[in-house]
Structure formats: structure tokens, C-alpha cells
N, C-alpha and C. Protein backbone atom coordinates (compact mmCIF):
# COMPACT_ATOMS: atom_id res chain seq x y z
N UNK A 1 11.55 15.90 1.94
CA UNK A 1 10.67 15.43 0.89
C UNK A 1 9.24 15.94 1.13
N UNK A 2 8.82 15.96 2.41
CA UNK A 2 7.46 16.44 2.70
C UNK A 2 7.28 17.92 2.39
N UNK A 3 8.41 18.65 2.23
CA UNK A 3 8.32 20.07 1.87
C UNK A 3 7.80 20.22 0.45
N UNK A 4 8.11 19.26 -0.42
CA UNK A 4 7.73 19.35 -1.83
C UNK A 4 6.59 18.42 -2.22
N UNK A 5 6.34 17.38 -1.42
CA UNK A 5 5.31 16.40 -1.74
C UNK A 5 4.48 16.07 -0.52
N UNK A 6 3.18 15.82 -0.71
CA UNK A 6 2.32 15.28 0.33
C UNK A 6 2.24 13.78 0.09
N UNK A 7 2.74 12.98 1.04
CA UNK A 7 2.81 11.53 0.89
C UNK A 7 1.63 10.89 1.63
N UNK A 8 0.99 9.91 1.02
CA UNK A 8 -0.14 9.17 1.63
C UNK A 8 0.09 7.68 1.48
N UNK A 9 -0.50 6.90 2.39
CA UNK A 9 -0.50 5.44 2.28
C UNK A 9 -1.94 4.96 2.38
N UNK A 10 -2.36 4.14 1.43
CA UNK A 10 -3.70 3.57 1.43
C UNK A 10 -3.62 2.06 1.61
N UNK A 11 -4.33 1.52 2.60
CA UNK A 11 -4.46 0.07 2.74
C UNK A 11 -5.55 -0.38 1.78
N UNK A 12 -5.19 -1.30 0.87
CA UNK A 12 -6.13 -1.72 -0.15
C UNK A 12 -6.84 -3.02 0.20
N UNK A 13 -6.09 -4.04 0.63
CA UNK A 13 -6.70 -5.30 1.03
C UNK A 13 -5.68 -6.13 1.79
N UNK A 14 -6.13 -7.24 2.39
CA UNK A 14 -5.24 -8.16 3.11
C UNK A 14 -5.29 -9.53 2.46
N UNK A 15 -4.15 -10.23 2.51
CA UNK A 15 -4.08 -11.59 1.98
C UNK A 15 -3.47 -12.51 3.02
N UNK A 16 -3.82 -13.77 2.94
CA UNK A 16 -3.28 -14.82 3.80
C UNK A 16 -2.25 -15.58 2.97
N UNK A 17 -1.05 -15.78 3.53
CA UNK A 17 0.02 -16.42 2.76
C UNK A 17 -0.28 -17.88 2.44
N UNK A 18 -1.21 -18.51 3.17
CA UNK A 18 -1.54 -19.92 2.91
C UNK A 18 -2.61 -20.08 1.84
N UNK A 19 -3.26 -18.99 1.47
CA UNK A 19 -4.29 -19.07 0.44
C UNK A 19 -3.65 -19.02 -0.94
N UNK A 20 -4.29 -19.66 -1.88
CA UNK A 20 -3.82 -19.60 -3.26
C UNK A 20 -4.13 -18.20 -3.81
N UNK A 21 -3.11 -17.57 -4.38
CA UNK A 21 -3.31 -16.22 -4.90
C UNK A 21 -4.05 -16.28 -6.23
N UNK A 22 -4.98 -15.37 -6.40
CA UNK A 22 -5.74 -15.26 -7.63
C UNK A 22 -5.22 -14.06 -8.39
N UNK A 23 -5.13 -14.18 -9.68
CA UNK A 23 -4.70 -13.07 -10.52
C UNK A 23 -5.93 -12.23 -10.86
N UNK A 24 -6.04 -11.11 -10.19
CA UNK A 24 -7.19 -10.24 -10.39
C UNK A 24 -6.71 -8.83 -10.68
N UNK A 25 -7.51 -8.11 -11.40
CA UNK A 25 -7.23 -6.70 -11.65
C UNK A 25 -7.88 -5.89 -10.55
N UNK A 26 -7.12 -4.99 -9.96
CA UNK A 26 -7.61 -4.18 -8.87
C UNK A 26 -7.58 -2.72 -9.30
N UNK A 27 -8.64 -1.99 -9.02
CA UNK A 27 -8.71 -0.57 -9.32
C UNK A 27 -9.05 0.18 -8.04
N UNK A 28 -8.47 1.37 -7.90
CA UNK A 28 -8.85 2.25 -6.80
C UNK A 28 -8.70 3.68 -7.28
N UNK A 29 -9.47 4.58 -6.67
CA UNK A 29 -9.48 5.98 -7.08
C UNK A 29 -8.57 6.79 -6.17
N UNK A 30 -7.86 7.72 -6.77
CA UNK A 30 -7.02 8.64 -6.02
C UNK A 30 -7.86 9.84 -5.60
N UNK A 31 -7.40 10.57 -4.58
CA UNK A 31 -8.17 11.70 -4.05
C UNK A 31 -8.21 12.91 -4.96
N UNK A 32 -7.19 13.08 -5.80
CA UNK A 32 -7.19 14.26 -6.67
C UNK A 32 -6.51 13.91 -7.99
N UNK A 33 -6.69 14.77 -8.98
CA UNK A 33 -6.09 14.52 -10.29
C UNK A 33 -4.57 14.71 -10.26
N UNK A 34 -4.04 15.44 -9.25
CA UNK A 34 -2.60 15.65 -9.13
C UNK A 34 -1.89 14.52 -8.40
N UNK A 35 -2.64 13.63 -7.76
CA UNK A 35 -2.06 12.55 -6.97
C UNK A 35 -1.58 11.42 -7.89
N UNK A 36 -0.39 10.87 -7.60
CA UNK A 36 0.19 9.79 -8.40
C UNK A 36 0.68 8.67 -7.49
N UNK A 37 0.63 7.44 -7.98
CA UNK A 37 1.11 6.28 -7.22
C UNK A 37 2.63 6.20 -7.36
N UNK A 38 3.32 6.08 -6.23
CA UNK A 38 4.77 5.87 -6.24
C UNK A 38 5.05 4.38 -6.35
N UNK A 39 4.37 3.60 -5.47
CA UNK A 39 4.63 2.16 -5.47
C UNK A 39 3.57 1.41 -4.70
N UNK A 40 3.42 0.15 -5.05
CA UNK A 40 2.55 -0.77 -4.31
C UNK A 40 3.46 -1.52 -3.33
N UNK A 41 2.99 -1.76 -2.12
CA UNK A 41 3.80 -2.40 -1.09
C UNK A 41 3.02 -3.51 -0.39
N UNK A 42 3.77 -4.48 0.15
CA UNK A 42 3.20 -5.55 0.98
C UNK A 42 3.81 -5.42 2.37
N UNK A 43 2.98 -5.38 3.39
CA UNK A 43 3.44 -5.24 4.77
C UNK A 43 3.01 -6.46 5.57
N UNK A 44 3.94 -6.99 6.35
CA UNK A 44 3.62 -8.13 7.21
C UNK A 44 2.98 -7.61 8.48
N UNK A 45 1.82 -8.16 8.84
CA UNK A 45 1.09 -7.69 10.01
C UNK A 45 1.59 -8.28 11.33
N UNK A 46 2.04 -9.53 11.31
CA UNK A 46 2.52 -10.15 12.53
C UNK A 46 3.98 -9.81 12.75
N UNK A 47 4.35 -9.67 13.99
CA UNK A 47 5.73 -9.35 14.33
C UNK A 47 6.29 -10.54 15.11
N UNK A 48 6.50 -11.66 14.41
CA UNK A 48 6.89 -12.88 15.11
C UNK A 48 8.08 -13.54 14.44
N UNK A 49 8.82 -14.27 15.24
CA UNK A 49 9.93 -15.07 14.73
C UNK A 49 10.00 -16.32 15.58
N UNK A 50 10.10 -17.49 15.04
CA UNK A 50 10.16 -17.80 13.61
C UNK A 50 8.80 -17.57 12.94
N UNK A 51 8.80 -17.68 11.64
CA UNK A 51 7.59 -17.41 10.87
C UNK A 51 6.50 -18.41 11.25
N UNK A 52 5.31 -17.92 11.48
CA UNK A 52 4.17 -18.77 11.78
C UNK A 52 3.68 -19.44 10.50
N UNK A 53 2.91 -20.50 10.68
CA UNK A 53 2.34 -21.16 9.51
C UNK A 53 1.37 -20.25 8.78
N UNK A 54 0.64 -19.45 9.52
CA UNK A 54 -0.35 -18.55 8.91
C UNK A 54 0.13 -17.12 9.06
N UNK A 55 0.41 -16.47 7.96
CA UNK A 55 0.84 -15.08 7.94
C UNK A 55 -0.17 -14.25 7.16
N UNK A 56 -0.43 -13.05 7.62
CA UNK A 56 -1.34 -12.14 6.92
C UNK A 56 -0.54 -10.93 6.49
N UNK A 57 -0.76 -10.49 5.25
CA UNK A 57 -0.08 -9.33 4.71
C UNK A 57 -1.10 -8.29 4.26
N UNK A 58 -0.75 -7.03 4.43
CA UNK A 58 -1.56 -5.93 3.94
C UNK A 58 -0.93 -5.42 2.66
N UNK A 59 -1.73 -5.27 1.63
CA UNK A 59 -1.27 -4.70 0.37
C UNK A 59 -1.74 -3.25 0.33
N UNK A 60 -0.81 -2.35 0.06
CA UNK A 60 -1.16 -0.94 0.06
C UNK A 60 -0.49 -0.19 -1.08
N UNK A 61 -0.84 1.07 -1.21
CA UNK A 61 -0.28 1.94 -2.23
C UNK A 61 0.26 3.20 -1.57
N UNK A 62 1.46 3.61 -1.97
CA UNK A 62 2.05 4.86 -1.51
C UNK A 62 1.89 5.86 -2.64
N UNK A 63 1.32 7.03 -2.32
CA UNK A 63 1.06 8.04 -3.34
C UNK A 63 1.69 9.38 -2.93
N UNK A 64 1.81 10.26 -3.91
CA UNK A 64 2.27 11.61 -3.61
C UNK A 64 1.47 12.63 -4.41
N UNK A 65 1.40 13.82 -3.84
CA UNK A 65 0.79 14.97 -4.50
C UNK A 65 1.79 16.12 -4.34
N UNK A 66 2.12 16.83 -5.42
CA UNK A 66 3.02 17.98 -5.26
C UNK A 66 2.45 18.98 -4.26
N UNK A 67 3.27 19.40 -3.30
CA UNK A 67 2.84 20.35 -2.28
C UNK A 67 2.73 21.75 -2.89
N UNK A 68 1.82 22.51 -2.35
CA UNK A 68 1.66 23.90 -2.81
C UNK A 68 2.63 24.76 -2.01
N UNK A 69 3.64 25.28 -2.69
CA UNK A 69 4.68 26.09 -2.04
C UNK A 69 4.37 27.55 -2.33
N UNK A 70 4.44 28.33 -1.29
CA UNK A 70 4.28 29.75 -1.53
C UNK A 70 3.21 30.39 -0.79
């Protein structure tokens, strides 16, 4: 896949699972006009079991840009 696309991950913000979520519109700029968002993802920062009372998650975006072949 990396032969045809340049894949990037951007960390956008962090949230606490115990906080009340607010419905907000979020905007961010891509590095180039050819770059496109594949998907938004949530990643758990703590690596613990059982789940702690306080969990923090990172919200990020995975993007791709067509690679220049040739």
C-alpha cells in the first residue's frame, strides 16, 4: 500500500472518558491539496486491565496522498 500511497496519522486532541462529551465541530488543515482523510480514529492511551475509572483517549485522523511513481 505504501508503494501507491503516503499514509499519515495526525493526533488532533485528547478526551477523558469521565468527562461529558460536547458536540463540537472540529476543523483541521491537510498538508496538501492531494491529501485526503481515510478515517477518524480513537486510540486508548493506557494499557491496563481491568479498565481504570479514568481513561484518556487520543482522537486522530488517518490520511493518504497518492505516491509519485516513476
